[in-house]
N, C-alpha and C. Protein backbone atom coordinates (compact mmCIF):
# COMPACT_ATOMS: atom_id res chain seq x y z
N MET A 1 14.81 -57.32 -62.27
CA MET A 1 14.01 -57.84 -61.18
C MET A 1 13.34 -59.13 -61.65
N VAL A 2 13.49 -60.18 -60.88
CA VAL A 2 12.93 -61.47 -61.26
C VAL A 2 11.79 -61.91 -60.35
N ALA A 3 11.66 -61.28 -59.18
CA ALA A 3 10.59 -61.64 -58.24
C ALA A 3 10.28 -60.42 -57.38
N GLU A 4 9.07 -60.37 -56.90
CA GLU A 4 8.65 -59.25 -56.09
C GLU A 4 7.88 -59.75 -54.88
N GLY A 5 8.08 -59.11 -53.74
CA GLY A 5 7.37 -59.45 -52.51
C GLY A 5 8.25 -59.18 -51.31
N THR A 6 7.68 -59.36 -50.14
CA THR A 6 8.46 -59.21 -48.92
C THR A 6 9.38 -60.42 -48.79
N PRO A 7 10.44 -60.31 -47.99
CA PRO A 7 11.31 -61.49 -47.79
C PRO A 7 10.53 -62.73 -47.35
N ASN A 8 9.61 -62.58 -46.42
CA ASN A 8 8.85 -63.74 -45.95
C ASN A 8 7.95 -64.30 -47.04
N GLU A 9 7.35 -63.44 -47.88
CA GLU A 9 6.52 -63.92 -48.98
C GLU A 9 7.36 -64.71 -49.98
N LEU A 10 8.52 -64.17 -50.32
CA LEU A 10 9.39 -64.85 -51.28
C LEU A 10 9.88 -66.19 -50.74
N LYS A 11 10.31 -66.22 -49.48
CA LYS A 11 10.77 -67.49 -48.89
C LYS A 11 9.63 -68.48 -48.75
N GLY A 12 8.41 -67.98 -48.52
CA GLY A 12 7.25 -68.84 -48.39
C GLY A 12 6.87 -69.55 -49.68
N GLN A 13 7.37 -69.06 -50.82
CA GLN A 13 7.10 -69.69 -52.10
C GLN A 13 7.89 -70.98 -52.30
N LEU A 14 8.91 -71.18 -51.47
CA LEU A 14 9.74 -72.38 -51.59
C LEU A 14 9.29 -73.43 -50.57
N PRO A 15 8.83 -74.56 -51.02
CA PRO A 15 8.40 -75.60 -50.08
C PRO A 15 9.57 -76.34 -49.48
N GLY A 16 9.37 -76.87 -48.29
CA GLY A 16 10.35 -77.78 -47.68
C GLY A 16 11.58 -77.11 -47.12
N ASP A 17 12.63 -77.92 -47.01
CA ASP A 17 13.89 -77.50 -46.40
C ASP A 17 15.00 -77.51 -47.44
N ALA A 18 16.04 -76.76 -47.15
CA ALA A 18 17.25 -76.78 -47.97
C ALA A 18 18.30 -77.61 -47.26
N ILE A 19 18.93 -78.50 -48.00
CA ILE A 19 20.06 -79.27 -47.48
C ILE A 19 21.30 -78.75 -48.18
N GLN A 20 22.31 -78.41 -47.41
CA GLN A 20 23.58 -78.00 -48.00
C GLN A 20 24.66 -78.96 -47.52
N VAL A 21 25.39 -79.50 -48.49
CA VAL A 21 26.45 -80.46 -48.21
C VAL A 21 27.76 -79.90 -48.74
N GLU A 22 28.77 -79.90 -47.91
CA GLU A 22 30.11 -79.52 -48.35
C GLU A 22 30.85 -80.83 -48.64
N LEU A 23 31.20 -81.01 -49.90
CA LEU A 23 31.88 -82.23 -50.32
C LEU A 23 33.39 -82.07 -50.15
N SER A 24 34.08 -83.17 -49.93
CA SER A 24 35.54 -83.14 -49.81
C SER A 24 36.20 -83.00 -51.18
N ASP A 25 35.55 -83.49 -52.22
CA ASP A 25 36.11 -83.49 -53.58
C ASP A 25 35.53 -82.33 -54.39
N PRO A 26 36.36 -81.40 -54.86
CA PRO A 26 35.84 -80.27 -55.63
C PRO A 26 35.40 -80.64 -57.05
N GLU A 27 35.69 -81.83 -57.50
CA GLU A 27 35.35 -82.27 -58.86
C GLU A 27 34.27 -83.34 -58.83
N ALA A 28 33.27 -83.20 -57.99
CA ALA A 28 32.29 -84.26 -57.77
C ALA A 28 30.96 -84.05 -58.47
N ASP A 29 30.83 -83.03 -59.29
CA ASP A 29 29.55 -82.63 -59.86
C ASP A 29 28.75 -83.79 -60.46
N GLY A 30 29.28 -84.45 -61.47
CA GLY A 30 28.55 -85.53 -62.14
C GLY A 30 28.23 -86.70 -61.23
N ARG A 31 29.19 -87.10 -60.43
CA ARG A 31 28.96 -88.23 -59.51
C ARG A 31 27.92 -87.89 -58.47
N ALA A 32 27.92 -86.65 -57.96
CA ALA A 32 26.94 -86.25 -56.95
C ALA A 32 25.54 -86.23 -57.53
N HIS A 33 25.39 -85.67 -58.72
CA HIS A 33 24.07 -85.67 -59.37
C HIS A 33 23.57 -87.10 -59.57
N ALA A 34 24.43 -87.97 -60.06
CA ALA A 34 24.03 -89.36 -60.29
C ALA A 34 23.63 -90.04 -58.98
N ALA A 35 24.37 -89.78 -57.92
CA ALA A 35 24.06 -90.41 -56.62
C ALA A 35 22.71 -89.92 -56.09
N LEU A 36 22.43 -88.64 -56.21
CA LEU A 36 21.20 -88.09 -55.65
C LEU A 36 19.98 -88.36 -56.52
N ASP A 37 20.18 -88.73 -57.77
CA ASP A 37 19.05 -89.11 -58.64
C ASP A 37 18.30 -90.30 -58.07
N ARG A 38 18.98 -91.10 -57.26
CA ARG A 38 18.37 -92.31 -56.70
C ARG A 38 17.68 -92.05 -55.36
N VAL A 39 17.75 -90.82 -54.84
CA VAL A 39 17.16 -90.52 -53.53
C VAL A 39 15.78 -89.90 -53.74
N PRO A 40 14.73 -90.59 -53.28
CA PRO A 40 13.38 -90.04 -53.44
C PRO A 40 13.19 -88.79 -52.58
N GLY A 41 12.39 -87.86 -53.07
CA GLY A 41 12.05 -86.67 -52.30
C GLY A 41 13.09 -85.58 -52.32
N ILE A 42 14.06 -85.65 -53.24
CA ILE A 42 15.10 -84.63 -53.37
C ILE A 42 14.91 -83.95 -54.72
N TRP A 43 14.92 -82.63 -54.73
CA TRP A 43 14.79 -81.90 -55.99
C TRP A 43 15.68 -80.65 -55.97
N GLU A 44 15.75 -79.99 -57.10
CA GLU A 44 16.55 -78.77 -57.26
C GLU A 44 17.99 -78.94 -56.76
N VAL A 45 18.63 -79.97 -57.23
CA VAL A 45 20.03 -80.22 -56.85
C VAL A 45 20.93 -79.31 -57.67
N THR A 46 21.75 -78.51 -56.98
CA THR A 46 22.74 -77.67 -57.65
C THR A 46 24.09 -77.90 -56.98
N ILE A 47 25.13 -77.87 -57.79
CA ILE A 47 26.48 -78.07 -57.27
C ILE A 47 27.38 -76.99 -57.84
N GLU A 48 28.06 -76.29 -56.95
CA GLU A 48 29.03 -75.28 -57.35
C GLU A 48 30.32 -75.59 -56.59
N GLY A 49 31.29 -76.09 -57.30
CA GLY A 49 32.53 -76.50 -56.64
C GLY A 49 32.27 -77.64 -55.69
N ARG A 50 32.58 -77.44 -54.42
CA ARG A 50 32.36 -78.47 -53.41
C ARG A 50 31.02 -78.31 -52.69
N SER A 51 30.26 -77.27 -53.00
CA SER A 51 29.01 -76.99 -52.31
C SER A 51 27.82 -77.57 -53.09
N LEU A 52 27.11 -78.46 -52.43
CA LEU A 52 25.93 -79.09 -53.01
C LEU A 52 24.71 -78.59 -52.26
N ARG A 53 23.70 -78.15 -52.99
CA ARG A 53 22.44 -77.70 -52.38
C ARG A 53 21.31 -78.50 -53.01
N ALA A 54 20.34 -78.86 -52.17
CA ALA A 54 19.17 -79.57 -52.66
C ALA A 54 17.98 -79.18 -51.80
N ARG A 55 16.78 -79.41 -52.32
CA ARG A 55 15.56 -79.15 -51.57
C ARG A 55 14.87 -80.48 -51.30
N THR A 56 14.16 -80.52 -50.19
CA THR A 56 13.43 -81.72 -49.80
C THR A 56 12.27 -81.32 -48.88
N GLY A 57 11.28 -82.16 -48.79
CA GLY A 57 10.14 -81.87 -47.94
C GLY A 57 10.47 -81.88 -46.46
N ASN A 58 11.38 -82.74 -46.05
CA ASN A 58 11.76 -82.86 -44.64
C ASN A 58 13.26 -83.13 -44.56
N GLY A 59 14.02 -82.10 -44.26
CA GLY A 59 15.47 -82.20 -44.27
C GLY A 59 16.03 -83.23 -43.32
N SER A 60 15.53 -83.25 -42.09
CA SER A 60 16.11 -84.18 -41.11
C SER A 60 15.83 -85.63 -41.48
N ALA A 61 14.71 -85.90 -42.13
CA ALA A 61 14.42 -87.26 -42.56
C ALA A 61 15.22 -87.65 -43.81
N ALA A 62 15.56 -86.67 -44.65
CA ALA A 62 16.25 -86.96 -45.91
C ALA A 62 17.76 -87.07 -45.76
N VAL A 63 18.35 -86.43 -44.76
CA VAL A 63 19.81 -86.40 -44.64
C VAL A 63 20.44 -87.80 -44.61
N PRO A 64 19.94 -88.74 -43.83
CA PRO A 64 20.58 -90.08 -43.85
C PRO A 64 20.62 -90.70 -45.24
N SER A 65 19.54 -90.57 -46.01
CA SER A 65 19.51 -91.13 -47.37
C SER A 65 20.48 -90.39 -48.29
N VAL A 66 20.57 -89.07 -48.14
CA VAL A 66 21.49 -88.27 -48.96
C VAL A 66 22.93 -88.69 -48.67
N LEU A 67 23.27 -88.78 -47.40
CA LEU A 67 24.64 -89.16 -47.02
C LEU A 67 24.97 -90.57 -47.50
N GLN A 68 24.03 -91.49 -47.35
CA GLN A 68 24.25 -92.86 -47.80
C GLN A 68 24.45 -92.91 -49.31
N ALA A 69 23.65 -92.17 -50.07
CA ALA A 69 23.77 -92.16 -51.53
C ALA A 69 25.11 -91.57 -51.97
N LEU A 70 25.52 -90.48 -51.33
CA LEU A 70 26.81 -89.87 -51.68
C LEU A 70 27.96 -90.82 -51.37
N GLU A 71 27.90 -91.46 -50.20
CA GLU A 71 28.95 -92.42 -49.83
C GLU A 71 28.99 -93.59 -50.81
N ALA A 72 27.82 -94.09 -51.20
CA ALA A 72 27.76 -95.20 -52.16
C ALA A 72 28.32 -94.77 -53.52
N GLY A 73 28.24 -93.47 -53.82
CA GLY A 73 28.80 -92.95 -55.07
C GLY A 73 30.27 -92.62 -54.97
N GLY A 74 30.88 -92.95 -53.84
CA GLY A 74 32.31 -92.71 -53.67
C GLY A 74 32.67 -91.29 -53.29
N LEU A 75 31.71 -90.55 -52.76
CA LEU A 75 31.94 -89.15 -52.39
C LEU A 75 32.01 -89.00 -50.88
N ARG A 76 33.00 -88.24 -50.42
CA ARG A 76 33.15 -87.98 -48.99
C ARG A 76 32.51 -86.63 -48.67
N VAL A 77 31.84 -86.57 -47.52
CA VAL A 77 31.15 -85.36 -47.08
C VAL A 77 31.94 -84.72 -45.95
N ALA A 78 32.19 -83.41 -46.08
CA ALA A 78 32.89 -82.68 -45.03
C ALA A 78 31.90 -82.14 -44.00
N SER A 79 30.72 -81.68 -44.44
CA SER A 79 29.71 -81.17 -43.51
C SER A 79 28.35 -81.16 -44.19
N VAL A 80 27.30 -81.10 -43.37
CA VAL A 80 25.93 -81.01 -43.88
C VAL A 80 25.12 -80.12 -42.96
N THR A 81 24.26 -79.29 -43.54
CA THR A 81 23.36 -78.44 -42.77
C THR A 81 21.97 -78.49 -43.39
N ILE A 82 20.98 -78.24 -42.56
CA ILE A 82 19.59 -78.18 -43.00
C ILE A 82 19.07 -76.81 -42.59
N ALA A 83 18.32 -76.17 -43.49
CA ALA A 83 17.78 -74.85 -43.18
C ALA A 83 16.44 -74.65 -43.87
N ARG A 84 15.66 -73.78 -43.29
CA ARG A 84 14.45 -73.32 -43.94
C ARG A 84 14.88 -72.46 -45.12
N PRO A 85 14.03 -72.21 -46.09
CA PRO A 85 14.43 -71.41 -47.24
C PRO A 85 14.96 -70.03 -46.85
N SER A 86 15.99 -69.59 -47.56
CA SER A 86 16.58 -68.28 -47.34
C SER A 86 16.39 -67.44 -48.60
N LEU A 87 16.74 -66.17 -48.52
CA LEU A 87 16.68 -65.32 -49.71
C LEU A 87 17.68 -65.79 -50.77
N ASP A 88 18.80 -66.39 -50.34
CA ASP A 88 19.73 -66.98 -51.30
C ASP A 88 19.06 -68.11 -52.09
N ASP A 89 18.23 -68.91 -51.39
CA ASP A 89 17.50 -69.98 -52.06
C ASP A 89 16.51 -69.41 -53.08
N VAL A 90 15.84 -68.32 -52.72
CA VAL A 90 14.91 -67.66 -53.64
C VAL A 90 15.66 -67.18 -54.87
N TYR A 91 16.80 -66.54 -54.65
CA TYR A 91 17.62 -66.04 -55.76
C TYR A 91 18.06 -67.20 -56.66
N LEU A 92 18.53 -68.27 -56.05
CA LEU A 92 18.97 -69.44 -56.80
C LEU A 92 17.83 -70.01 -57.64
N ARG A 93 16.65 -70.08 -57.08
CA ARG A 93 15.50 -70.64 -57.81
C ARG A 93 15.18 -69.79 -59.04
N HIS A 94 15.24 -68.46 -58.90
CA HIS A 94 14.85 -67.59 -60.00
C HIS A 94 15.95 -67.36 -61.03
N THR A 95 17.21 -67.47 -60.63
CA THR A 95 18.30 -67.16 -61.56
C THR A 95 19.10 -68.39 -61.98
N GLY A 96 19.04 -69.46 -61.18
CA GLY A 96 19.81 -70.66 -61.50
C GLY A 96 21.24 -70.62 -61.01
N ARG A 97 21.60 -69.58 -60.26
CA ARG A 97 22.96 -69.51 -59.70
C ARG A 97 22.90 -68.77 -58.38
N SER A 98 23.91 -69.00 -57.54
CA SER A 98 23.95 -68.37 -56.23
C SER A 98 24.38 -66.93 -56.34
N PRO A 99 24.02 -66.08 -55.37
CA PRO A 99 24.47 -64.68 -55.38
C PRO A 99 26.00 -64.57 -55.41
N ALA A 100 26.70 -65.44 -54.71
CA ALA A 100 28.18 -65.39 -54.69
C ALA A 100 28.74 -65.65 -56.08
N ARG A 101 28.16 -66.59 -56.79
CA ARG A 101 28.64 -66.91 -58.14
C ARG A 101 28.34 -65.76 -59.09
N THR A 102 27.21 -65.08 -58.90
CA THR A 102 26.87 -63.93 -59.72
C THR A 102 27.88 -62.82 -59.53
N GLU A 103 28.27 -62.58 -58.27
CA GLU A 103 29.26 -61.52 -57.98
C GLU A 103 30.60 -61.83 -58.61
N GLU A 104 30.99 -63.11 -58.71
CA GLU A 104 32.25 -63.50 -59.33
C GLU A 104 32.31 -63.09 -60.80
N LYS A 105 31.14 -63.11 -61.48
CA LYS A 105 31.09 -62.83 -62.91
C LYS A 105 31.03 -61.34 -63.21
N VAL A 106 30.72 -60.53 -62.22
CA VAL A 106 30.60 -59.08 -62.44
C VAL A 106 31.94 -58.44 -62.57
């Protein structure tokens, strides 16, 4: 056990919004990190395959800058979503990997 509380309490510990980007290139890890390092207000960037997740204070305001930075880094985006924190985000914060990736290793 890495955290304790109700689902709403655990999600409430994460500030801001989650941005999830599906990249067209499955080998984009280093380039995506480098591109997003230049975007202010983005933190907790994780990339697993083509799935990029990041946190920001205001998702809808940050998406244009994120997309522009990825495009400038030569990366194509297949889709983007913005969401309030989920229990998957809580798990990722405490363990450093997504629940799906954890299940792959079991």
